Amino acid sequence: MVALAATTHVWVVVGGLLLALVVVLIAIDRIFAWVAKNATKHMRNDNAVTGGMRNVMGAMEEFVHPEIRHVHEEMDQRKSESGDKDPSER
């Protein structure tokens, strides 16, 4: 009788641990889903990369791809010829 009670107790503990593990995994999944949903809302913001960061990324892009510098120079030249201002300067 004691052996039966001991094995039943072990199975209750093992079952409880498995149930707790499943609950924790579901909670982690829901938390990550919530974070991902909120992060995509933030990343869709067009102003996420502004000011100095945009300048740093542009400079790094020009360093990696030198041909981009020519495109930027031509765009600047066309703007100066047409008299149009950059929309960010308005």
C-alpha atoms as a PDB file:
ATOM      1  CA  MET A   1       0.000   0.000   0.000  1.00  0.00           C
ATOM      2  CA  VAL A   2       2.865   2.388   0.794  1.00  0.00           C
ATOM      3  CA  ALA A   3       4.520   1.651  -2.563  1.00  0.00           C
ATOM      4  CA  LEU A   4       1.287   2.463  -4.392  1.00  0.00           C
ATOM      5  CA  ALA A   5       0.945   5.765  -2.529  1.00  0.00           C
ATOM      6  CA  ALA A   6       4.567   6.665  -3.305  1.00  0.00           C
ATOM      7  CA  THR A   7       4.201   6.004  -7.038  1.00  0.00           C
ATOM      8  CA  THR A   8       0.923   7.927  -7.162  1.00  0.00           C
ATOM      9  CA  HIS A   9       2.607  10.866  -5.444  1.00  0.00           C
ATOM     10  CA  VAL A  10       5.451  10.793  -8.002  1.00  0.00           C
ATOM     11  CA  TRP A  11       3.003  10.812 -10.914  1.00  0.00           C
ATOM     12  CA  VAL A  12       1.094  13.725  -9.416  1.00  0.00           C
ATOM     13  CA  VAL A  13       4.330  15.696  -9.069  1.00  0.00           C
ATOM     14  CA  VAL A  14       5.467  14.821 -12.610  1.00  0.00           C
ATOM     15  CA  GLY A  15       2.048  15.710 -14.021  1.00  0.00           C
ATOM     16  CA  GLY A  16       2.029  18.987 -12.126  1.00  0.00           C
ATOM     17  CA  LEU A  17       5.483  19.873 -13.432  1.00  0.00           C
ATOM     18  CA  LEU A  18       4.453  19.067 -17.009  1.00  0.00           C
ATOM     19  CA  LEU A  19       1.312  21.159 -16.640  1.00  0.00           C
ATOM     20  CA  ALA A  20       3.336  24.043 -15.207  1.00  0.00           C
ATOM     21  CA  LEU A  21       5.802  23.758 -18.116  1.00  0.00           C
ATOM     22  CA  VAL A  22       2.973  23.916 -20.654  1.00  0.00           C
ATOM     23  CA  VAL A  23       1.465  26.959 -18.929  1.00  0.00           C
ATOM     24  CA  VAL A  24       4.833  28.738 -18.869  1.00  0.00           C
ATOM     25  CA  LEU A  25       5.457  27.989 -22.565  1.00  0.00           C
ATOM     26  CA  ILE A  26       2.015  29.292 -23.533  1.00  0.00           C
ATOM     27  CA  ALA A  27       2.576  32.436 -21.449  1.00  0.00           C
ATOM     28  CA  ILE A  28       5.961  33.047 -23.109  1.00  0.00           C
ATOM     29  CA  ASP A  29       4.397  32.556 -26.536  1.00  0.00           C
ATOM     30  CA  ARG A  30       1.632  35.072 -25.799  1.00  0.00           C
ATOM     31  CA  ILE A  31       4.100  37.597 -24.371  1.00  0.00           C
ATOM     32  CA  PHE A  32       6.338  37.371 -27.448  1.00  0.00           C
ATOM     33  CA  ALA A  33       3.303  37.673 -29.741  1.00  0.00           C
ATOM     34  CA  TRP A  34       2.224  40.828 -27.902  1.00  0.00           C
ATOM     35  CA  VAL A  35       5.738  42.308 -28.075  1.00  0.00           C
ATOM     36  CA  ALA A  36       6.000  41.509 -31.794  1.00  0.00           C
ATOM     37  CA  LYS A  37       2.641  43.143 -32.499  1.00  0.00           C
ATOM     38  CA  ASN A  38       3.612  46.304 -30.636  1.00  0.00           C
ATOM     39  CA  ALA A  39       7.099  46.377 -32.151  1.00  0.00           C
ATOM     40  CA  THR A  40       5.703  46.288 -35.697  1.00  0.00           C
ATOM     41  CA  LYS A  41       3.482  49.252 -34.863  1.00  0.00           C
ATOM     42  CA  HIS A  42       6.568  51.163 -33.745  1.00  0.00           C
ATOM     43  CA  MET A  43       8.645  50.089 -36.735  1.00  0.00           C
ATOM     44  CA  ARG A  44       5.972  51.263 -39.204  1.00  0.00           C
ATOM     45  CA  ASN A  45       6.510  54.784 -37.936  1.00  0.00           C
ATOM     46  CA  ASP A  46       8.169  56.675 -40.802  1.00  0.00           C
ATOM     47  CA  ASN A  47      10.005  58.933 -38.360  1.00  0.00           C
ATOM     48  CA  ALA A  48      11.799  56.022 -36.684  1.00  0.00           C
ATOM     49  CA  VAL A  49      15.097  56.892 -38.388  1.00  0.00           C
ATOM     50  CA  THR A  50      15.493  60.645 -38.331  1.00  0.00           C
ATOM     51  CA  GLY A  51      18.100  63.312 -38.082  1.00  0.00           C
ATOM     52  CA  GLY A  52      21.576  62.202 -37.152  1.00  0.00           C
ATOM     53  CA  MET A  53      20.885  58.515 -37.543  1.00  0.00           C
ATOM     54  CA  ARG A  54      19.747  59.027 -41.142  1.00  0.00           C
ATOM     55  CA  ASN A  55      22.951  60.970 -41.845  1.00  0.00           C
ATOM     56  CA  VAL A  56      25.101  58.234 -40.325  1.00  0.00           C
ATOM     57  CA  MET A  57      23.341  55.538 -42.310  1.00  0.00           C
ATOM     58  CA  GLY A  58      23.651  57.592 -45.511  1.00  0.00           C
ATOM     59  CA  ALA A  59      27.364  58.101 -44.960  1.00  0.00           C
ATOM     60  CA  MET A  60      27.859  54.406 -44.268  1.00  0.00           C
ATOM     61  CA  GLU A  61      25.894  53.514 -47.403  1.00  0.00           C
ATOM     62  CA  GLU A  62      28.063  55.865 -49.475  1.00  0.00           C
ATOM     63  CA  PHE A  63      31.174  54.224 -48.027  1.00  0.00           C
ATOM     64  CA  VAL A  64      29.959  50.709 -48.849  1.00  0.00           C
ATOM     65  CA  HIS A  65      28.524  51.657 -52.268  1.00  0.00           C
ATOM     66  CA  PRO A  66      30.578  54.536 -53.733  1.00  0.00           C
ATOM     67  CA  GLU A  67      28.310  54.791 -56.784  1.00  0.00           C
ATOM     68  CA  ILE A  68      25.563  56.154 -54.546  1.00  0.00           C
ATOM     69  CA  ARG A  69      27.619  59.300 -53.976  1.00  0.00           C
ATOM     70  CA  HIS A  70      27.286  60.113 -57.675  1.00  0.00           C
ATOM     71  CA  VAL A  71      23.520  59.705 -57.482  1.00  0.00           C
ATOM     72  CA  HIS A  72      23.344  62.032 -54.476  1.00  0.00           C
ATOM     73  CA  GLU A  73      25.566  64.601 -56.208  1.00  0.00           C
ATOM     74  CA  GLU A  74      23.392  64.514 -59.318  1.00  0.00           C
ATOM     75  CA  MET A  75      20.230  64.893 -57.240  1.00  0.00           C
ATOM     76  CA  ASP A  76      21.744  67.881 -55.430  1.00  0.00           C
ATOM     77  CA  GLN A  77      22.774  69.424 -58.749  1.00  0.00           C
ATOM     78  CA  ARG A  78      19.281  68.987 -60.211  1.00  0.00           C
ATOM     79  CA  LYS A  79      17.726  70.537 -57.103  1.00  0.00           C
ATOM     80  CA  SER A  80      20.027  73.535 -57.297  1.00  0.00           C
ATOM     81  CA  GLU A  81      19.298  73.995 -61.015  1.00  0.00           C
ATOM     82  CA  SER A  82      15.537  73.765 -60.610  1.00  0.00           C
ATOM     83  CA  GLY A  83      15.465  75.812 -57.419  1.00  0.00           C
ATOM     84  CA  ASP A  84      13.476  73.188 -55.542  1.00  0.00           C
ATOM     85  CA  LYS A  85      14.143  72.732 -51.896  1.00  0.00           C
ATOM     86  CA  ASP A  86      14.393  69.501 -50.034  1.00  0.00           C
ATOM     87  CA  PRO A  87      10.993  68.661 -48.464  1.00  0.00           C
ATOM     88  CA  SER A  88      12.678  68.276 -45.095  1.00  0.00           C
ATOM     89  CA  GLU A  89      13.901  71.889 -45.264  1.00  0.00           C
ATOM     90  CA  ARG A  90      10.422  73.392 -45.659  1.00  0.00           C
END
